[in-house]
Amino acid sequence: LINVMVNIIDNAIKYCDKVPEILISTENIKDKIVLKFKDNGVGMSKNVQNKIFDKFYREPTGDLHNIKGHGLGLAYVKKIIDYHNGKISLESIIAKGSIFSIELSVKK
């Protein structure tokens, strides 16, 4: 799960065209914990949001494509969350930023 968090934070830094601001919060809801990662990055269109967890997918973004990567990070994140029987979701607005939410069960 540490790798999941590092990947999301690393993307928030890489895909920000200003000084990155990242807010990480947690919330307990019944028998679940929700982790939220909110950033002030470049954001994503709805079309991109629908593909972002696909293996090898990278948004064709011109100048930002000089950022190294293979489109594996968020596919890996999704797979790890799935292995933990969790859910990951994304809200994003172009030029405003993104919020990744991870929901995990705390039941043993």
Protein backbone atom coordinates (compact mmCIF):
# COMPACT_ATOMS: atom_id res chain seq x y z
CA LEU A 1 0.00 0.00 0.00
CA ILE A 2 2.97 2.32 0.50
CA ASN A 3 3.81 1.90 -3.20
CA VAL A 4 0.23 2.86 -4.05
CA MET A 5 0.52 6.09 -2.08
CA VAL A 6 3.97 6.91 -3.47
CA ASN A 7 2.74 6.38 -7.03
CA ILE A 8 -0.26 8.69 -6.60
CA ILE A 9 1.84 11.39 -4.92
CA ASP A 10 4.58 11.08 -7.55
CA ASN A 11 2.01 11.57 -10.34
CA ALA A 12 0.54 14.58 -8.52
CA ILE A 13 3.99 16.18 -8.52
CA LYS A 14 4.91 15.19 -12.10
CA TYR A 15 1.63 16.35 -13.62
CA CYS A 16 1.53 19.77 -12.01
CA ASP A 17 2.45 22.90 -13.96
CA LYS A 18 2.88 25.07 -10.85
CA VAL A 19 4.05 24.56 -7.27
CA PRO A 20 2.42 21.25 -6.31
CA GLU A 21 -0.06 21.24 -3.45
CA ILE A 22 -1.16 17.81 -2.28
CA LEU A 23 -3.71 17.27 0.48
CA ILE A 24 -3.92 13.76 1.91
CA SER A 25 -6.83 12.93 4.19
CA THR A 26 -8.47 9.91 5.76
CA GLU A 27 -12.03 9.28 6.82
CA ASN A 28 -13.58 6.37 8.71
CA ILE A 29 -16.97 5.36 7.36
CA LYS A 30 -18.54 2.38 9.18
CA ASP A 31 -16.18 -0.55 8.55
CA LYS A 32 -14.14 1.25 5.86
CA ILE A 33 -11.33 3.75 5.68
CA VAL A 34 -11.21 6.22 2.80
CA LEU A 35 -7.89 7.77 1.80
CA LYS A 36 -8.07 10.86 -0.42
CA PHE A 37 -5.26 12.44 -2.39
CA LYS A 38 -6.21 15.89 -3.70
CA ASP A 39 -3.83 17.82 -5.96
CA ASN A 40 -3.69 21.07 -7.92
CA GLY A 41 -2.29 19.48 -11.06
CA VAL A 42 -3.29 19.76 -14.70
CA GLY A 43 -6.39 17.59 -14.27
CA MET A 44 -7.90 15.15 -16.76
CA SER A 45 -10.81 15.06 -19.18
CA LYS A 46 -13.63 12.54 -18.67
CA ASN A 47 -12.28 10.54 -21.62
CA VAL A 48 -8.86 10.24 -19.98
CA GLN A 49 -10.40 9.43 -16.59
CA ASN A 50 -12.13 6.42 -18.17
CA LYS A 51 -8.77 5.03 -19.38
CA ILE A 52 -6.30 6.11 -16.70
CA PHE A 53 -6.23 2.72 -14.91
CA ASP A 54 -5.61 0.79 -18.17
CA LYS A 55 -2.19 -0.82 -18.53
CA PHE A 56 0.17 1.21 -20.80
CA TYR A 57 -2.27 4.12 -21.15
CA ARG A 58 -0.69 7.57 -21.21
CA GLU A 59 -2.52 10.72 -22.10
CA PRO A 60 -1.04 12.33 -25.24
CA THR A 61 -0.34 15.78 -23.76
CA GLY A 62 2.37 17.32 -25.90
CA ASP A 63 4.99 18.91 -23.64
CA LEU A 64 4.02 16.90 -20.58
CA HIS A 65 4.86 13.68 -22.44
CA ASN A 66 8.54 14.38 -21.80
CA ILE A 67 7.79 13.04 -18.32
CA LYS A 68 9.25 9.57 -18.09
CA GLY A 69 6.84 6.68 -17.70
CA HIS A 70 5.32 3.68 -19.38
CA GLY A 71 1.67 3.97 -18.37
CA LEU A 72 1.98 1.25 -15.75
CA GLY A 73 1.76 3.18 -12.47
CA LEU A 74 -1.99 3.63 -12.09
CA ALA A 75 -2.71 0.17 -13.54
CA TYR A 76 -0.44 -1.19 -10.79
CA VAL A 77 -2.20 0.98 -8.19
CA LYS A 78 -5.60 -0.38 -9.29
CA LYS A 79 -4.36 -3.98 -9.19
CA ILE A 80 -3.00 -3.59 -5.63
CA ILE A 81 -6.24 -1.97 -4.44
CA ASP A 82 -8.20 -4.80 -6.09
CA TYR A 83 -6.01 -7.37 -4.29
CA HIS A 84 -7.01 -5.71 -1.02
CA ASN A 85 -10.70 -5.92 -2.05
CA GLY A 86 -10.80 -2.13 -2.15
CA LYS A 87 -12.06 0.47 -4.57
CA ILE A 88 -10.29 3.39 -6.21
CA SER A 89 -12.06 6.30 -7.84
CA LEU A 90 -11.08 9.54 -9.49
CA GLU A 91 -12.58 12.99 -9.77
CA SER A 92 -10.73 15.45 -11.96
CA ILE A 93 -11.21 18.81 -13.64
CA ILE A 94 -8.84 20.11 -16.31
CA ALA A 95 -6.63 22.92 -14.95
CA LYS A 96 -8.04 22.43 -11.42
CA GLY A 97 -6.59 19.10 -10.29
CA SER A 98 -7.59 15.61 -9.30
CA ILE A 99 -8.82 13.68 -6.29
CA PHE A 100 -8.01 9.99 -6.01
CA SER A 101 -10.12 8.18 -3.39
CA ILE A 102 -9.22 4.74 -2.07
CA GLU A 103 -11.73 2.78 0.00
CA LEU A 104 -10.48 -0.17 2.05
CA SER A 105 -12.25 -2.43 4.53
CA VAL A 106 -10.98 -2.36 8.10
CA LYS A 107 -12.72 -5.62 9.06
CA LYS A 108 -10.43 -8.49 9.93
